[in-house]
């Protein structure tokens, strides 16, 4: 079942045309992923204290329609695949059920110095 995260579009999110600036969709999906892992019981602060962080390795995105000031959006996040080293997620931003933005995001774990590491087993189990 997809995780759902609500977003309200504020004036600061829009461009001169009154629509959501394209880069803000990346912020919306980042917030949704953070809420998703928190809701799964994954403590990113504890991970960082252990020297491991999530890093986005790849984003493939499609802009399907404009969101505008005061729109109420829903970001849906779900796992596509999990391996020993990577987590692939599908994310979709909708307004009243209509898709506006879709992305496939690949995340990996890394040390604080940026060296890749395997996803911890307990994280693989929670996101699967």
C-alpha atoms as a PDB file:
ATOM      1  CA  UNK A   1       0.000   0.000   0.000  1.00  0.00           C
ATOM      2  CA  UNK A   2       1.456   3.409  -0.926  1.00  0.00           C
ATOM      3  CA  UNK A   3       2.379   5.903   1.760  1.00  0.00           C
ATOM      4  CA  UNK A   4       0.522   9.220   1.404  1.00  0.00           C
ATOM      5  CA  UNK A   5       1.884  12.640   2.344  1.00  0.00           C
ATOM      6  CA  UNK A   6      -0.095  15.865   1.990  1.00  0.00           C
ATOM      7  CA  UNK A   7       1.413  19.088   0.631  1.00  0.00           C
ATOM      8  CA  UNK A   8      -0.155  22.542   0.518  1.00  0.00           C
ATOM      9  CA  UNK A   9       1.120  24.822  -2.283  1.00  0.00           C
ATOM     10  CA  UNK A  10       2.187  28.218  -0.933  1.00  0.00           C
ATOM     11  CA  UNK A  11       3.011  31.413  -2.826  1.00  0.00           C
ATOM     12  CA  UNK A  12       6.738  30.793  -2.282  1.00  0.00           C
ATOM     13  CA  UNK A  13       6.399  27.500  -4.219  1.00  0.00           C
ATOM     14  CA  UNK A  14       5.227  29.183  -7.406  1.00  0.00           C
ATOM     15  CA  UNK A  15       6.958  30.911 -10.295  1.00  0.00           C
ATOM     16  CA  UNK A  16       5.994  34.121 -12.094  1.00  0.00           C
ATOM     17  CA  UNK A  17       3.288  32.221 -13.966  1.00  0.00           C
ATOM     18  CA  UNK A  18       1.610  31.220 -10.705  1.00  0.00           C
ATOM     19  CA  UNK A  19       2.415  27.521 -11.050  1.00  0.00           C
ATOM     20  CA  UNK A  20       4.665  25.355  -8.898  1.00  0.00           C
ATOM     21  CA  UNK A  21       8.293  25.851  -9.903  1.00  0.00           C
ATOM     22  CA  UNK A  22       9.591  22.558 -11.291  1.00  0.00           C
ATOM     23  CA  UNK A  23      12.377  22.083  -8.704  1.00  0.00           C
ATOM     24  CA  UNK A  24       9.846  22.242  -5.863  1.00  0.00           C
ATOM     25  CA  UNK A  25       8.438  18.863  -6.870  1.00  0.00           C
ATOM     26  CA  UNK A  26      11.799  17.409  -5.807  1.00  0.00           C
ATOM     27  CA  UNK A  27      11.343  19.067  -2.412  1.00  0.00           C
ATOM     28  CA  UNK A  28       7.838  17.641  -2.110  1.00  0.00           C
ATOM     29  CA  UNK A  29       8.942  14.098  -2.882  1.00  0.00           C
ATOM     30  CA  UNK A  30      11.921  14.427  -0.510  1.00  0.00           C
ATOM     31  CA  UNK A  31       9.602  15.443   2.330  1.00  0.00           C
ATOM     32  CA  UNK A  32       7.323  12.531   1.484  1.00  0.00           C
ATOM     33  CA  UNK A  33      10.220  10.044   1.543  1.00  0.00           C
ATOM     34  CA  UNK A  34      11.364  11.398   4.912  1.00  0.00           C
ATOM     35  CA  UNK A  35       7.844  11.004   6.327  1.00  0.00           C
ATOM     36  CA  UNK A  36       7.587   7.514   4.816  1.00  0.00           C
ATOM     37  CA  UNK A  37      10.806   6.212   6.419  1.00  0.00           C
ATOM     38  CA  UNK A  38       9.854   7.856   9.729  1.00  0.00           C
ATOM     39  CA  UNK A  39       6.434   6.176   9.595  1.00  0.00           C
ATOM     40  CA  UNK A  40       8.178   2.848   8.908  1.00  0.00           C
ATOM     41  CA  UNK A  41      10.106   3.288  12.173  1.00  0.00           C
ATOM     42  CA  UNK A  42      13.452   4.143  10.582  1.00  0.00           C
ATOM     43  CA  UNK A  43      15.257   6.775  12.649  1.00  0.00           C
ATOM     44  CA  UNK A  44      17.494   8.753  10.283  1.00  0.00           C
ATOM     45  CA  UNK A  45      19.097  10.612  13.204  1.00  0.00           C
ATOM     46  CA  UNK A  46      20.116   7.290  14.763  1.00  0.00           C
ATOM     47  CA  UNK A  47      21.412   6.128  11.374  1.00  0.00           C
ATOM     48  CA  UNK A  48      23.553   9.270  11.098  1.00  0.00           C
ATOM     49  CA  UNK A  49      24.886   8.729  14.634  1.00  0.00           C
ATOM     50  CA  UNK A  50      25.958   5.252  13.447  1.00  0.00           C
ATOM     51  CA  UNK A  51      27.707   6.880  10.480  1.00  0.00           C
ATOM     52  CA  UNK A  52      25.193   5.923   7.761  1.00  0.00           C
ATOM     53  CA  UNK A  53      22.899   8.164   5.698  1.00  0.00           C
ATOM     54  CA  UNK A  54      20.535   7.750   2.757  1.00  0.00           C
ATOM     55  CA  UNK A  55      21.779   9.307  -0.480  1.00  0.00           C
ATOM     56  CA  UNK A  56      19.727   9.835  -3.624  1.00  0.00           C
ATOM     57  CA  UNK A  57      21.651   8.298  -6.496  1.00  0.00           C
ATOM     58  CA  UNK A  58      19.193   8.772  -9.330  1.00  0.00           C
ATOM     59  CA  UNK A  59      15.909  10.518 -10.087  1.00  0.00           C
ATOM     60  CA  UNK A  60      13.916  10.021 -13.256  1.00  0.00           C
ATOM     61  CA  UNK A  61      11.000  12.455 -13.399  1.00  0.00           C
ATOM     62  CA  UNK A  62       8.019  13.278 -15.596  1.00  0.00           C
ATOM     63  CA  UNK A  63       6.089  16.536 -15.304  1.00  0.00           C
ATOM     64  CA  UNK A  64       2.486  15.778 -16.257  1.00  0.00           C
ATOM     65  CA  UNK A  65       0.527  18.890 -15.312  1.00  0.00           C
ATOM     66  CA  UNK A  66       0.785  22.124 -13.321  1.00  0.00           C
ATOM     67  CA  UNK A  67       0.029  22.574  -9.646  1.00  0.00           C
ATOM     68  CA  UNK A  68      -1.018  26.054  -8.570  1.00  0.00           C
ATOM     69  CA  UNK A  69      -1.199  28.295  -5.522  1.00  0.00           C
ATOM     70  CA  UNK A  70      -3.361  26.845  -2.729  1.00  0.00           C
ATOM     71  CA  UNK A  71      -3.613  23.410  -4.346  1.00  0.00           C
ATOM     72  CA  UNK A  72      -3.713  20.507  -1.916  1.00  0.00           C
ATOM     73  CA  UNK A  73      -1.446  17.775  -3.245  1.00  0.00           C
ATOM     74  CA  UNK A  74      -0.854  14.195  -2.212  1.00  0.00           C
ATOM     75  CA  UNK A  75       2.512  12.539  -2.685  1.00  0.00           C
ATOM     76  CA  UNK A  76       2.313   8.757  -2.879  1.00  0.00           C
ATOM     77  CA  UNK A  77       5.462   6.743  -2.220  1.00  0.00           C
ATOM     78  CA  UNK A  78       5.964   3.015  -2.599  1.00  0.00           C
ATOM     79  CA  UNK A  79       8.807   0.576  -2.964  1.00  0.00           C
ATOM     80  CA  UNK A  80       9.594  -0.674  -6.457  1.00  0.00           C
ATOM     81  CA  UNK A  81      12.579  -2.836  -5.511  1.00  0.00           C
ATOM     82  CA  UNK A  82      15.097  -3.413  -2.752  1.00  0.00           C
ATOM     83  CA  UNK A  83      18.501  -5.031  -3.081  1.00  0.00           C
ATOM     84  CA  UNK A  84      21.509  -5.283  -0.821  1.00  0.00           C
ATOM     85  CA  UNK A  85      22.762  -1.912  -1.975  1.00  0.00           C
ATOM     86  CA  UNK A  86      19.813   0.098  -3.267  1.00  0.00           C
ATOM     87  CA  UNK A  87      16.218   1.076  -2.719  1.00  0.00           C
ATOM     88  CA  UNK A  88      14.085   2.100  -5.700  1.00  0.00           C
ATOM     89  CA  UNK A  89      10.863   4.008  -5.001  1.00  0.00           C
ATOM     90  CA  UNK A  90       8.010   5.217  -7.149  1.00  0.00           C
ATOM     91  CA  UNK A  91       6.572   8.598  -6.215  1.00  0.00           C
ATOM     92  CA  UNK A  92       3.564  10.387  -7.639  1.00  0.00           C
ATOM     93  CA  UNK A  93       2.184  13.855  -6.893  1.00  0.00           C
ATOM     94  CA  UNK A  94      -1.563  14.178  -7.458  1.00  0.00           C
ATOM     95  CA  UNK A  95      -4.284  16.785  -7.085  1.00  0.00           C
ATOM     96  CA  UNK A  96      -7.791  15.373  -6.563  1.00  0.00           C
ATOM     97  CA  UNK A  97      -6.564  12.073  -7.982  1.00  0.00           C
ATOM     98  CA  UNK A  98      -5.048  13.585 -11.142  1.00  0.00           C
ATOM     99  CA  UNK A  99      -1.307  12.817 -11.581  1.00  0.00           C
ATOM    100  CA  UNK A 100       0.821  15.967 -11.914  1.00  0.00           C
ATOM    101  CA  UNK A 101       4.334  14.584 -11.408  1.00  0.00           C
ATOM    102  CA  UNK A 102       5.897  11.123 -11.319  1.00  0.00           C
ATOM    103  CA  UNK A 103       9.379  10.088 -10.325  1.00  0.00           C
ATOM    104  CA  UNK A 104      11.378   6.943  -9.816  1.00  0.00           C
ATOM    105  CA  UNK A 105      14.020   7.521  -7.156  1.00  0.00           C
ATOM    106  CA  UNK A 106      17.004   5.309  -6.425  1.00  0.00           C
ATOM    107  CA  UNK A 107      18.538   5.730  -2.972  1.00  0.00           C
ATOM    108  CA  UNK A 108      21.585   4.063  -1.465  1.00  0.00           C
ATOM    109  CA  UNK A 109      23.275   4.184   1.915  1.00  0.00           C
ATOM    110  CA  UNK A 110      26.640   5.823   2.397  1.00  0.00           C
ATOM    111  CA  UNK A 111      29.025   6.643   5.193  1.00  0.00           C
ATOM    112  CA  UNK A 112      29.322  10.241   6.342  1.00  0.00           C
ATOM    113  CA  UNK A 113      32.426  10.520   4.148  1.00  0.00           C
ATOM    114  CA  UNK A 114      30.421   9.407   1.115  1.00  0.00           C
ATOM    115  CA  UNK A 115      31.550   5.805   0.778  1.00  0.00           C
ATOM    116  CA  UNK A 116      28.764   3.450  -0.344  1.00  0.00           C
ATOM    117  CA  UNK A 117      27.623   0.750   2.090  1.00  0.00           C
ATOM    118  CA  UNK A 118      24.986  -1.966   1.958  1.00  0.00           C
ATOM    119  CA  UNK A 119      21.509  -1.169   3.174  1.00  0.00           C
ATOM    120  CA  UNK A 120      21.233  -2.486   6.738  1.00  0.00           C
ATOM    121  CA  UNK A 121      19.129  -5.685   6.889  1.00  0.00           C
ATOM    122  CA  UNK A 122      16.558  -4.128   9.239  1.00  0.00           C
ATOM    123  CA  UNK A 123      15.982  -1.288   6.769  1.00  0.00           C
ATOM    124  CA  UNK A 124      15.635  -3.687   3.830  1.00  0.00           C
ATOM    125  CA  UNK A 125      12.965  -5.583   5.798  1.00  0.00           C
ATOM    126  CA  UNK A 126      10.999  -2.430   6.673  1.00  0.00           C
ATOM    127  CA  UNK A 127      10.906  -0.965   3.156  1.00  0.00           C
ATOM    128  CA  UNK A 128      10.169  -4.231   1.369  1.00  0.00           C
END
